[in-house]
Amino acid sequence: MTNTEKLVQLNQWNKDTLMETLGIVFTELGDDYLVGTMPVNSKVHQPLKMLHGGASIALAESLGSCLSNILVFSEDKSAVGTSINSNHLKSKNEGIVTGTARIIRKGKTLHFLEIEIKDEKESLICHCTMTNMVINRQIEK
């Protein structure tokens, strides 16, 4: 399956999920990274009309989890998040943010990732690190 086909499949998986609710769209996939966008509007604002930190975390975790799962899917494995750490560095009221998840270490049982979320001017809005555990894929019955 090509990376373009994988992106189409990832975006189809978003239907009826938090990713769809937040408007997250995966836009680019490489061997060790995944990029996605999220609109900044009232759906992701906190009461002060700024991007909610939890929405940034949801974007980061969506990117990191999906990237890990892409990397282990052919091995009949799944990846689940165990830890995410974030630093919110700049506020954002409207527009689009773009997140890029990169695998830092791909072990057999743990993945360590870095996720950067930037605005349209490439200013860093949020920086995250994430750890995912690789498990045997659950078979649906």
C-alpha atoms as a PDB file:
ATOM      1  CA  MET A   1       0.000   0.000   0.000  1.00  0.00           C
ATOM      2  CA  THR A   2       1.393   3.425  -0.934  1.00  0.00           C
ATOM      3  CA  ASN A   3       1.656   6.291   1.551  1.00  0.00           C
ATOM      4  CA  THR A   4      -1.111   8.111  -0.344  1.00  0.00           C
ATOM      5  CA  GLU A   5      -3.397   5.085   0.046  1.00  0.00           C
ATOM      6  CA  LYS A   6      -2.510   4.877   3.745  1.00  0.00           C
ATOM      7  CA  LEU A   7      -3.442   8.555   4.193  1.00  0.00           C
ATOM      8  CA  VAL A   8      -6.819   7.967   2.561  1.00  0.00           C
ATOM      9  CA  GLN A   9      -7.425   5.009   4.880  1.00  0.00           C
ATOM     10  CA  LEU A  10      -6.337   6.982   7.971  1.00  0.00           C
ATOM     11  CA  ASN A  11      -8.703   9.826   7.136  1.00  0.00           C
ATOM     12  CA  GLN A  12     -11.557   7.337   6.570  1.00  0.00           C
ATOM     13  CA  TRP A  13     -10.894   5.878  10.045  1.00  0.00           C
ATOM     14  CA  ASN A  14     -11.534   9.364  11.481  1.00  0.00           C
ATOM     15  CA  LYS A  15     -15.249   9.146  10.692  1.00  0.00           C
ATOM     16  CA  ASP A  16     -17.384   9.312  13.850  1.00  0.00           C
ATOM     17  CA  THR A  17     -14.356   9.870  16.110  1.00  0.00           C
ATOM     18  CA  LEU A  18     -12.882  12.730  18.095  1.00  0.00           C
ATOM     19  CA  MET A  19     -10.591  13.442  15.137  1.00  0.00           C
ATOM     20  CA  GLU A  20     -13.595  14.133  12.909  1.00  0.00           C
ATOM     21  CA  THR A  21     -15.223  16.268  15.620  1.00  0.00           C
ATOM     22  CA  LEU A  22     -12.077  18.415  15.897  1.00  0.00           C
ATOM     23  CA  GLY A  23     -11.577  18.601  12.105  1.00  0.00           C
ATOM     24  CA  ILE A  24      -8.240  16.773  12.143  1.00  0.00           C
ATOM     25  CA  VAL A  25      -7.054  15.734   8.677  1.00  0.00           C
ATOM     26  CA  PHE A  26      -3.902  13.728   7.995  1.00  0.00           C
ATOM     27  CA  THR A  27      -2.041  15.361   5.099  1.00  0.00           C
ATOM     28  CA  GLU A  28       1.403  13.797   4.672  1.00  0.00           C
ATOM     29  CA  LEU A  29       3.086  10.516   5.551  1.00  0.00           C
ATOM     30  CA  GLY A  30       6.747   9.535   5.337  1.00  0.00           C
ATOM     31  CA  ASP A  31       8.829   6.623   6.582  1.00  0.00           C
ATOM     32  CA  ASP A  32       9.183   8.108  10.064  1.00  0.00           C
ATOM     33  CA  TYR A  33       6.670  10.976  10.253  1.00  0.00           C
ATOM     34  CA  LEU A  34       2.982  11.884   9.939  1.00  0.00           C
ATOM     35  CA  VAL A  35       1.547  15.379   9.405  1.00  0.00           C
ATOM     36  CA  GLY A  36      -1.977  16.558  10.110  1.00  0.00           C
ATOM     37  CA  THR A  37      -3.933  19.784  10.405  1.00  0.00           C
ATOM     38  CA  MET A  38      -6.653  21.063  12.714  1.00  0.00           C
ATOM     39  CA  PRO A  39      -8.708  24.249  12.346  1.00  0.00           C
ATOM     40  CA  VAL A  40      -8.651  26.654  15.276  1.00  0.00           C
ATOM     41  CA  ASN A  41     -12.222  27.832  15.827  1.00  0.00           C
ATOM     42  CA  SER A  42     -14.894  27.799  18.538  1.00  0.00           C
ATOM     43  CA  LYS A  43     -14.961  23.968  18.565  1.00  0.00           C
ATOM     44  CA  VAL A  44     -11.419  23.878  19.973  1.00  0.00           C
ATOM     45  CA  HIS A  45     -11.446  27.102  22.033  1.00  0.00           C
ATOM     46  CA  GLN A  46     -11.277  27.340  25.783  1.00  0.00           C
ATOM     47  CA  PRO A  47     -13.402  30.052  27.492  1.00  0.00           C
ATOM     48  CA  LEU A  48     -10.855  32.813  26.721  1.00  0.00           C
ATOM     49  CA  LYS A  49     -11.371  32.112  22.984  1.00  0.00           C
ATOM     50  CA  MET A  50      -7.914  30.581  22.575  1.00  0.00           C
ATOM     51  CA  LEU A  51      -6.889  27.119  21.391  1.00  0.00           C
ATOM     52  CA  HIS A  52      -7.614  24.705  24.229  1.00  0.00           C
ATOM     53  CA  GLY A  53      -4.529  22.814  25.403  1.00  0.00           C
ATOM     54  CA  GLY A  54      -6.551  19.609  25.403  1.00  0.00           C
ATOM     55  CA  ALA A  55      -7.310  20.059  21.701  1.00  0.00           C
ATOM     56  CA  SER A  56      -3.590  20.417  21.020  1.00  0.00           C
ATOM     57  CA  ILE A  57      -2.988  17.218  22.996  1.00  0.00           C
ATOM     58  CA  ALA A  58      -5.746  15.449  21.042  1.00  0.00           C
ATOM     59  CA  LEU A  59      -4.051  16.447  17.766  1.00  0.00           C
ATOM     60  CA  ALA A  60      -0.643  15.349  19.072  1.00  0.00           C
ATOM     61  CA  GLU A  61      -1.893  12.015  20.403  1.00  0.00           C
ATOM     62  CA  SER A  62      -3.846  11.315  17.213  1.00  0.00           C
ATOM     63  CA  LEU A  63      -0.727  11.871  15.119  1.00  0.00           C
ATOM     64  CA  GLY A  64       1.576   9.915  17.429  1.00  0.00           C
ATOM     65  CA  SER A  65      -0.758   6.965  17.862  1.00  0.00           C
ATOM     66  CA  CYS A  66      -1.533   6.696  14.162  1.00  0.00           C
ATOM     67  CA  LEU A  67       2.139   6.894  13.200  1.00  0.00           C
ATOM     68  CA  SER A  68       3.065   4.107  15.624  1.00  0.00           C
ATOM     69  CA  ASN A  69       0.197   1.966  14.370  1.00  0.00           C
ATOM     70  CA  ILE A  70       1.247   2.462  10.756  1.00  0.00           C
ATOM     71  CA  LEU A  71       4.756   1.326  11.665  1.00  0.00           C
ATOM     72  CA  VAL A  72       3.620  -1.946  13.292  1.00  0.00           C
ATOM     73  CA  PHE A  73       0.437  -2.789  11.367  1.00  0.00           C
ATOM     74  CA  SER A  74       2.100  -5.287   9.034  1.00  0.00           C
ATOM     75  CA  GLU A  75       3.507  -7.137  12.079  1.00  0.00           C
ATOM     76  CA  ASP A  76      -0.011  -7.896  13.434  1.00  0.00           C
ATOM     77  CA  LYS A  77       0.680  -5.482  16.288  1.00  0.00           C
ATOM     78  CA  SER A  78      -1.064  -2.379  17.613  1.00  0.00           C
ATOM     79  CA  ALA A  79       0.313   0.614  19.465  1.00  0.00           C
ATOM     80  CA  VAL A  80      -1.407   2.273  22.396  1.00  0.00           C
ATOM     81  CA  GLY A  81      -0.434   5.483  24.134  1.00  0.00           C
ATOM     82  CA  THR A  82       0.991   5.198  27.631  1.00  0.00           C
ATOM     83  CA  SER A  83       2.351   8.693  28.229  1.00  0.00           C
ATOM     84  CA  ILE A  84       2.210  12.136  26.651  1.00  0.00           C
ATOM     85  CA  ASN A  85       3.979  15.265  27.859  1.00  0.00           C
ATOM     86  CA  SER A  86       3.219  18.698  26.453  1.00  0.00           C
ATOM     87  CA  ASN A  87       4.463  22.245  26.639  1.00  0.00           C
ATOM     88  CA  HIS A  88       2.064  24.928  25.415  1.00  0.00           C
ATOM     89  CA  LEU A  89       4.319  27.687  24.106  1.00  0.00           C
ATOM     90  CA  LYS A  90       2.104  30.173  22.262  1.00  0.00           C
ATOM     91  CA  SER A  91      -1.597  30.980  22.053  1.00  0.00           C
ATOM     92  CA  LYS A  92      -3.699  30.752  18.898  1.00  0.00           C
ATOM     93  CA  ASN A  93      -7.183  32.210  18.332  1.00  0.00           C
ATOM     94  CA  GLU A  94      -8.032  31.286  14.737  1.00  0.00           C
ATOM     95  CA  GLY A  95      -6.613  29.723  11.600  1.00  0.00           C
ATOM     96  CA  ILE A  96      -4.996  26.340  11.184  1.00  0.00           C
ATOM     97  CA  VAL A  97      -2.402  24.458  13.193  1.00  0.00           C
ATOM     98  CA  THR A  98      -0.227  21.748  11.693  1.00  0.00           C
ATOM     99  CA  GLY A  99       1.182  18.918  13.731  1.00  0.00           C
ATOM    100  CA  THR A 100       4.133  16.747  12.774  1.00  0.00           C
ATOM    101  CA  ALA A 101       4.802  13.498  14.622  1.00  0.00           C
ATOM    102  CA  ARG A 102       8.247  11.926  14.231  1.00  0.00           C
ATOM    103  CA  ILE A 103       9.405   8.601  15.558  1.00  0.00           C
ATOM    104  CA  ILE A 104      12.515   9.108  17.694  1.00  0.00           C
ATOM    105  CA  ARG A 105      12.969   5.483  18.724  1.00  0.00           C
ATOM    106  CA  LYS A 106      11.145   2.472  17.340  1.00  0.00           C
ATOM    107  CA  GLY A 107      11.708  -0.412  19.716  1.00  0.00           C
ATOM    108  CA  LYS A 108      10.027  -3.810  19.654  1.00  0.00           C
ATOM    109  CA  THR A 109       7.757  -2.991  22.589  1.00  0.00           C
ATOM    110  CA  LEU A 110       7.956   0.814  22.955  1.00  0.00           C
ATOM    111  CA  HIS A 111       7.928   3.749  20.560  1.00  0.00           C
ATOM    112  CA  PHE A 112       9.101   7.214  21.578  1.00  0.00           C
ATOM    113  CA  LEU A 113       7.827  10.132  19.475  1.00  0.00           C
ATOM    114  CA  GLU A 114       8.108  13.885  19.255  1.00  0.00           C
ATOM    115  CA  ILE A 115       5.177  15.984  18.049  1.00  0.00           C
ATOM    116  CA  GLU A 116       5.442  19.655  17.112  1.00  0.00           C
ATOM    117  CA  ILE A 117       2.370  21.778  16.491  1.00  0.00           C
ATOM    118  CA  LYS A 118       2.945  24.989  14.531  1.00  0.00           C
ATOM    119  CA  ASP A 119       0.852  27.813  13.138  1.00  0.00           C
ATOM    120  CA  GLU A 120       0.781  29.130   9.575  1.00  0.00           C
ATOM    121  CA  LYS A 121       3.924  31.214  10.223  1.00  0.00           C
ATOM    122  CA  GLU A 122       5.837  28.131  11.475  1.00  0.00           C
ATOM    123  CA  SER A 123       5.736  29.442  15.074  1.00  0.00           C
ATOM    124  CA  LEU A 124       5.832  26.608  17.590  1.00  0.00           C
ATOM    125  CA  ILE A 125       2.503  26.454  19.453  1.00  0.00           C
ATOM    126  CA  CYS A 126       2.949  23.185  21.349  1.00  0.00           C
ATOM    127  CA  HIS A 127       5.739  20.635  21.777  1.00  0.00           C
ATOM    128  CA  CYS A 128       4.951  17.096  22.917  1.00  0.00           C
ATOM    129  CA  THR A 129       6.725  13.836  23.556  1.00  0.00           C
ATOM    130  CA  MET A 130       4.820  10.585  23.600  1.00  0.00           C
ATOM    131  CA  THR A 131       5.459   6.958  24.511  1.00  0.00           C
ATOM    132  CA  ASN A 132       3.439   4.156  22.927  1.00  0.00           C
ATOM    133  CA  MET A 133       3.406   0.506  23.936  1.00  0.00           C
ATOM    134  CA  VAL A 134       3.374  -2.077  21.152  1.00  0.00           C
ATOM    135  CA  ILE A 135       0.956  -4.918  21.861  1.00  0.00           C
ATOM    136  CA  ASN A 136      -0.400  -7.955  20.014  1.00  0.00           C
ATOM    137  CA  ARG A 137      -3.334  -6.874  17.859  1.00  0.00           C
ATOM    138  CA  GLN A 138      -6.696  -7.764  19.358  1.00  0.00           C
ATOM    139  CA  ILE A 139      -8.687 -10.050  17.110  1.00  0.00           C
ATOM    140  CA  GLU A 140     -12.308  -8.993  16.713  1.00  0.00           C
ATOM    141  CA  LYS A 141     -14.821 -11.771  17.333  1.00  0.00           C
END
